[in-house]
Amino acid sequence: MRKIIAIIFCLLLTNTLVSSASEHLTDTLKKTNQYILFAKTAKIDDVFFSKNKKSKEEIINVKISFATAESNSNAIKTAVLQGNKQYGDDNLPTISAVKILKGKYEDMKGESATKTSSLYTFTKLEFPLHLQIVTMGETLDFELLESGKWDINLNLKK
């Protein structure tokens, strides 16, 4: 009887922890010899990392795609909040914070890629680079282990 009660207690505790964790960071642990995806929040559908093996450029392109267009216009403008400066339209999606945990970058620029995505470019990088990026209230925590030109596609749920 004690074993049954202990098992039920463990199941209830696990269910409680899983439901509260879904509102915070979800541990995905995608790990290769080139990058590590430590965590992402629940509204981030998927993240794709790719590296141009021939390019020696020290550039990261982060493409953030949204499920649907957020406006009725034919173009989505983008905005970047860096320090106290806002670049672009402040009514549209932004990367609101970038926390550098290891390495460094010198510059970040944003532009519209399509009607439902924005492209952010980080330049003058130092590897390994461990970043926590916050966009639209969602957090992505990753580390790039090798230098080169990186493309990161971030797909957000609506």
C-alpha atoms as a PDB file:
ATOM      1  CA  MET A   1       0.000   0.000   0.000  1.00  0.00           C
ATOM      2  CA  ARG A   2       2.856   2.378   0.826  1.00  0.00           C
ATOM      3  CA  LYS A   3       4.410   1.707  -2.567  1.00  0.00           C
ATOM      4  CA  ILE A   4       1.178   2.619  -4.347  1.00  0.00           C
ATOM      5  CA  ILE A   5       0.850   5.843  -2.362  1.00  0.00           C
ATOM      6  CA  ALA A   6       4.506   6.684  -3.072  1.00  0.00           C
ATOM      7  CA  ILE A   7       4.021   6.054  -6.812  1.00  0.00           C
ATOM      8  CA  ILE A   8       0.885   8.223  -6.930  1.00  0.00           C
ATOM      9  CA  PHE A   9       2.684  10.990  -5.025  1.00  0.00           C
ATOM     10  CA  CYS A  10       5.628  10.853  -7.466  1.00  0.00           C
ATOM     11  CA  LEU A  11       3.288  10.998 -10.465  1.00  0.00           C
ATOM     12  CA  LEU A  12       1.421  13.996  -9.055  1.00  0.00           C
ATOM     13  CA  LEU A  13       4.692  15.755  -8.224  1.00  0.00           C
ATOM     14  CA  THR A  14       6.077  15.092 -11.715  1.00  0.00           C
ATOM     15  CA  ASN A  15       2.875  16.371 -13.339  1.00  0.00           C
ATOM     16  CA  THR A  16       3.006  19.546 -11.234  1.00  0.00           C
ATOM     17  CA  LEU A  17       6.657  20.173 -12.117  1.00  0.00           C
ATOM     18  CA  VAL A  18       6.061  19.576 -15.831  1.00  0.00           C
ATOM     19  CA  SER A  19       3.058  21.915 -15.975  1.00  0.00           C
ATOM     20  CA  SER A  20       4.885  24.717 -14.140  1.00  0.00           C
ATOM     21  CA  ALA A  21       8.005  24.235 -16.279  1.00  0.00           C
ATOM     22  CA  SER A  22       6.005  24.648 -19.496  1.00  0.00           C
ATOM     23  CA  GLU A  23       5.413  28.276 -18.580  1.00  0.00           C
ATOM     24  CA  HIS A  24       9.128  28.823 -18.131  1.00  0.00           C
ATOM     25  CA  LEU A  25      12.141  27.486 -20.012  1.00  0.00           C
ATOM     26  CA  THR A  26      11.785  24.067 -21.591  1.00  0.00           C
ATOM     27  CA  ASP A  27      15.012  22.108 -21.605  1.00  0.00           C
ATOM     28  CA  THR A  28      15.610  20.755 -25.102  1.00  0.00           C
ATOM     29  CA  LEU A  29      19.291  19.831 -24.878  1.00  0.00           C
ATOM     30  CA  LYS A  30      20.108  19.711 -28.557  1.00  0.00           C
ATOM     31  CA  LYS A  31      23.858  19.204 -28.440  1.00  0.00           C
ATOM     32  CA  THR A  32      26.389  18.765 -31.216  1.00  0.00           C
ATOM     33  CA  ASN A  33      30.098  19.458 -31.502  1.00  0.00           C
ATOM     34  CA  GLN A  34      29.188  22.797 -33.178  1.00  0.00           C
ATOM     35  CA  TYR A  35      26.380  24.171 -30.955  1.00  0.00           C
ATOM     36  CA  ILE A  36      24.351  23.572 -27.815  1.00  0.00           C
ATOM     37  CA  LEU A  37      20.692  24.556 -27.425  1.00  0.00           C
ATOM     38  CA  PHE A  38      20.297  24.835 -23.666  1.00  0.00           C
ATOM     39  CA  ALA A  39      16.683  25.964 -23.393  1.00  0.00           C
ATOM     40  CA  LYS A  40      13.724  27.631 -25.087  1.00  0.00           C
ATOM     41  CA  THR A  41      10.395  28.833 -23.777  1.00  0.00           C
ATOM     42  CA  ALA A  42       7.142  27.098 -24.669  1.00  0.00           C
ATOM     43  CA  LYS A  43       5.958  29.483 -27.416  1.00  0.00           C
ATOM     44  CA  ILE A  44       9.093  28.852 -29.476  1.00  0.00           C
ATOM     45  CA  ASP A  45       8.008  26.101 -31.843  1.00  0.00           C
ATOM     46  CA  ASP A  46      11.427  25.076 -33.160  1.00  0.00           C
ATOM     47  CA  VAL A  47      14.979  26.300 -33.691  1.00  0.00           C
ATOM     48  CA  PHE A  48      17.243  25.305 -36.587  1.00  0.00           C
ATOM     49  CA  PHE A  49      20.999  25.894 -36.509  1.00  0.00           C
ATOM     50  CA  SER A  50      23.124  25.726 -39.651  1.00  0.00           C
ATOM     51  CA  LYS A  51      26.669  26.748 -40.462  1.00  0.00           C
ATOM     52  CA  ASN A  52      28.137  27.598 -43.842  1.00  0.00           C
ATOM     53  CA  LYS A  53      31.195  25.343 -43.710  1.00  0.00           C
ATOM     54  CA  LYS A  54      32.993  27.176 -46.517  1.00  0.00           C
ATOM     55  CA  SER A  55      32.544  30.651 -45.062  1.00  0.00           C
ATOM     56  CA  LYS A  56      35.005  32.023 -42.514  1.00  0.00           C
ATOM     57  CA  GLU A  57      32.819  35.101 -41.853  1.00  0.00           C
ATOM     58  CA  GLU A  58      32.207  35.883 -38.193  1.00  0.00           C
ATOM     59  CA  ILE A  59      28.459  36.518 -38.620  1.00  0.00           C
ATOM     60  CA  ILE A  60      25.294  35.131 -37.049  1.00  0.00           C
ATOM     61  CA  ASN A  61      22.022  35.545 -38.911  1.00  0.00           C
ATOM     62  CA  VAL A  62      19.011  34.945 -36.651  1.00  0.00           C
ATOM     63  CA  LYS A  63      15.782  34.647 -38.627  1.00  0.00           C
ATOM     64  CA  ILE A  64      12.656  34.834 -36.490  1.00  0.00           C
ATOM     65  CA  SER A  65       9.517  33.515 -38.204  1.00  0.00           C
ATOM     66  CA  PHE A  66       5.988  34.029 -36.912  1.00  0.00           C
ATOM     67  CA  ALA A  67       3.003  31.747 -37.467  1.00  0.00           C
ATOM     68  CA  THR A  68       1.020  34.471 -39.266  1.00  0.00           C
ATOM     69  CA  ALA A  69       1.403  38.093 -40.192  1.00  0.00           C
ATOM     70  CA  GLU A  70       0.580  40.347 -37.262  1.00  0.00           C
ATOM     71  CA  SER A  71      -0.760  43.198 -39.433  1.00  0.00           C
ATOM     72  CA  ASN A  72      -2.948  43.668 -42.486  1.00  0.00           C
ATOM     73  CA  SER A  73      -0.265  45.455 -44.460  1.00  0.00           C
ATOM     74  CA  ASN A  74       1.886  43.725 -47.056  1.00  0.00           C
ATOM     75  CA  ALA A  75       5.093  44.259 -45.104  1.00  0.00           C
ATOM     76  CA  ILE A  76       6.179  43.650 -41.550  1.00  0.00           C
ATOM     77  CA  LYS A  77       8.761  46.092 -40.395  1.00  0.00           C
ATOM     78  CA  THR A  78      11.187  45.123 -37.681  1.00  0.00           C
ATOM     79  CA  ALA A  79      12.671  46.775 -34.670  1.00  0.00           C
ATOM     80  CA  VAL A  80      15.731  46.215 -32.527  1.00  0.00           C
ATOM     81  CA  LEU A  81      16.054  47.371 -28.945  1.00  0.00           C
ATOM     82  CA  GLN A  82      19.724  47.624 -28.021  1.00  0.00           C
ATOM     83  CA  GLY A  83      20.696  49.337 -24.811  1.00  0.00           C
ATOM     84  CA  ASN A  84      18.623  52.527 -24.649  1.00  0.00           C
ATOM     85  CA  LYS A  85      18.252  52.782 -28.441  1.00  0.00           C
ATOM     86  CA  GLN A  86      15.254  51.545 -30.423  1.00  0.00           C
ATOM     87  CA  TYR A  87      15.810  50.879 -34.129  1.00  0.00           C
ATOM     88  CA  GLY A  88      12.752  50.494 -36.320  1.00  0.00           C
ATOM     89  CA  ASP A  89       9.036  50.570 -35.521  1.00  0.00           C
ATOM     90  CA  ASP A  90       8.401  50.160 -31.796  1.00  0.00           C
ATOM     91  CA  ASN A  91       4.901  48.712 -32.386  1.00  0.00           C
ATOM     92  CA  LEU A  92       6.253  45.575 -34.065  1.00  0.00           C
ATOM     93  CA  PRO A  93       8.197  42.530 -32.786  1.00  0.00           C
ATOM     94  CA  THR A  94      11.666  43.136 -31.387  1.00  0.00           C
ATOM     95  CA  ILE A  95      14.594  41.353 -29.898  1.00  0.00           C
ATOM     96  CA  SER A  96      14.193  43.078 -26.562  1.00  0.00           C
ATOM     97  CA  ALA A  97      17.271  41.716 -24.816  1.00  0.00           C
ATOM     98  CA  VAL A  98      20.467  39.850 -25.579  1.00  0.00           C
ATOM     99  CA  LYS A  99      22.426  38.588 -22.601  1.00  0.00           C
ATOM    100  CA  ILE A 100      26.000  37.527 -23.368  1.00  0.00           C
ATOM    101  CA  LEU A 101      27.078  34.688 -21.067  1.00  0.00           C
ATOM    102  CA  LYS A 102      30.319  33.843 -22.922  1.00  0.00           C
ATOM    103  CA  GLY A 103      32.151  35.389 -25.880  1.00  0.00           C
ATOM    104  CA  LYS A 104      31.037  38.666 -27.421  1.00  0.00           C
ATOM    105  CA  TYR A 105      29.547  40.440 -30.407  1.00  0.00           C
ATOM    106  CA  GLU A 106      29.964  44.064 -31.379  1.00  0.00           C
ATOM    107  CA  ASP A 107      26.964  44.952 -33.521  1.00  0.00           C
ATOM    108  CA  MET A 108      23.369  43.833 -34.178  1.00  0.00           C
ATOM    109  CA  LYS A 109      21.120  44.990 -37.026  1.00  0.00           C
ATOM    110  CA  GLY A 110      17.547  44.068 -37.901  1.00  0.00           C
ATOM    111  CA  GLU A 111      15.550  44.039 -41.130  1.00  0.00           C
ATOM    112  CA  SER A 112      12.363  42.547 -42.567  1.00  0.00           C
ATOM    113  CA  ALA A 113      12.935  39.242 -44.324  1.00  0.00           C
ATOM    114  CA  THR A 114       9.365  38.344 -45.388  1.00  0.00           C
ATOM    115  CA  LYS A 115       5.806  39.259 -44.380  1.00  0.00           C
ATOM    116  CA  THR A 116       6.065  36.881 -41.425  1.00  0.00           C
ATOM    117  CA  SER A 117       9.745  36.995 -40.450  1.00  0.00           C
ATOM    118  CA  SER A 118      12.542  39.312 -39.413  1.00  0.00           C
ATOM    119  CA  LEU A 119      16.294  38.883 -39.852  1.00  0.00           C
ATOM    120  CA  TYR A 120      18.822  39.990 -37.236  1.00  0.00           C
ATOM    121  CA  THR A 121      22.541  40.044 -37.984  1.00  0.00           C
ATOM    122  CA  PHE A 122      25.213  39.892 -35.277  1.00  0.00           C
ATOM    123  CA  THR A 123      28.748  40.835 -36.366  1.00  0.00           C
ATOM    124  CA  LYS A 124      32.307  40.963 -34.988  1.00  0.00           C
ATOM    125  CA  LEU A 125      31.904  37.842 -32.870  1.00  0.00           C
ATOM    126  CA  GLU A 126      34.151  36.038 -30.426  1.00  0.00           C
ATOM    127  CA  PHE A 127      33.633  32.271 -30.030  1.00  0.00           C
ATOM    128  CA  PRO A 128      32.491  30.268 -28.181  1.00  0.00           C
ATOM    129  CA  LEU A 129      29.428  32.507 -27.995  1.00  0.00           C
ATOM    130  CA  HIS A 130      26.723  31.804 -25.396  1.00  0.00           C
ATOM    131  CA  LEU A 131      23.644  34.033 -25.723  1.00  0.00           C
ATOM    132  CA  GLN A 132      20.220  34.337 -24.140  1.00  0.00           C
ATOM    133  CA  ILE A 133      17.919  36.133 -26.584  1.00  0.00           C
ATOM    134  CA  VAL A 134      14.495  37.490 -25.591  1.00  0.00           C
ATOM    135  CA  THR A 135      11.992  38.150 -28.385  1.00  0.00           C
ATOM    136  CA  MET A 136       8.285  38.859 -27.862  1.00  0.00           C
ATOM    137  CA  GLY A 137       8.612  37.671 -24.256  1.00  0.00           C
ATOM    138  CA  GLU A 138      10.133  34.329 -25.288  1.00  0.00           C
ATOM    139  CA  THR A 139      13.671  33.253 -24.356  1.00  0.00           C
ATOM    140  CA  LEU A 140      16.208  31.202 -26.319  1.00  0.00           C
ATOM    141  CA  ASP A 141      19.446  30.066 -24.647  1.00  0.00           C
ATOM    142  CA  PHE A 142      22.198  28.665 -26.907  1.00  0.00           C
ATOM    143  CA  GLU A 143      25.946  28.474 -27.420  1.00  0.00           C
ATOM    144  CA  LEU A 144      27.831  28.386 -30.712  1.00  0.00           C
ATOM    145  CA  LEU A 145      31.113  26.540 -30.293  1.00  0.00           C
ATOM    146  CA  GLU A 146      32.794  27.192 -33.658  1.00  0.00           C
ATOM    147  CA  SER A 147      33.539  30.325 -35.618  1.00  0.00           C
ATOM    148  CA  GLY A 148      32.122  30.790 -39.088  1.00  0.00           C
ATOM    149  CA  LYS A 149      28.894  32.112 -40.601  1.00  0.00           C
ATOM    150  CA  TRP A 150      25.892  30.795 -38.658  1.00  0.00           C
ATOM    151  CA  ASP A 151      22.204  30.857 -39.585  1.00  0.00           C
ATOM    152  CA  ILE A 152      19.668  30.341 -36.811  1.00  0.00           C
ATOM    153  CA  ASN A 153      16.003  30.019 -37.757  1.00  0.00           C
ATOM    154  CA  LEU A 154      13.621  30.563 -34.859  1.00  0.00           C
ATOM    155  CA  ASN A 155       9.971  29.637 -35.424  1.00  0.00           C
ATOM    156  CA  LEU A 156       7.452  31.122 -33.008  1.00  0.00           C
ATOM    157  CA  LYS A 157       3.922  29.851 -32.382  1.00  0.00           C
ATOM    158  CA  LYS A 158       1.104  32.388 -32.648  1.00  0.00           C
END
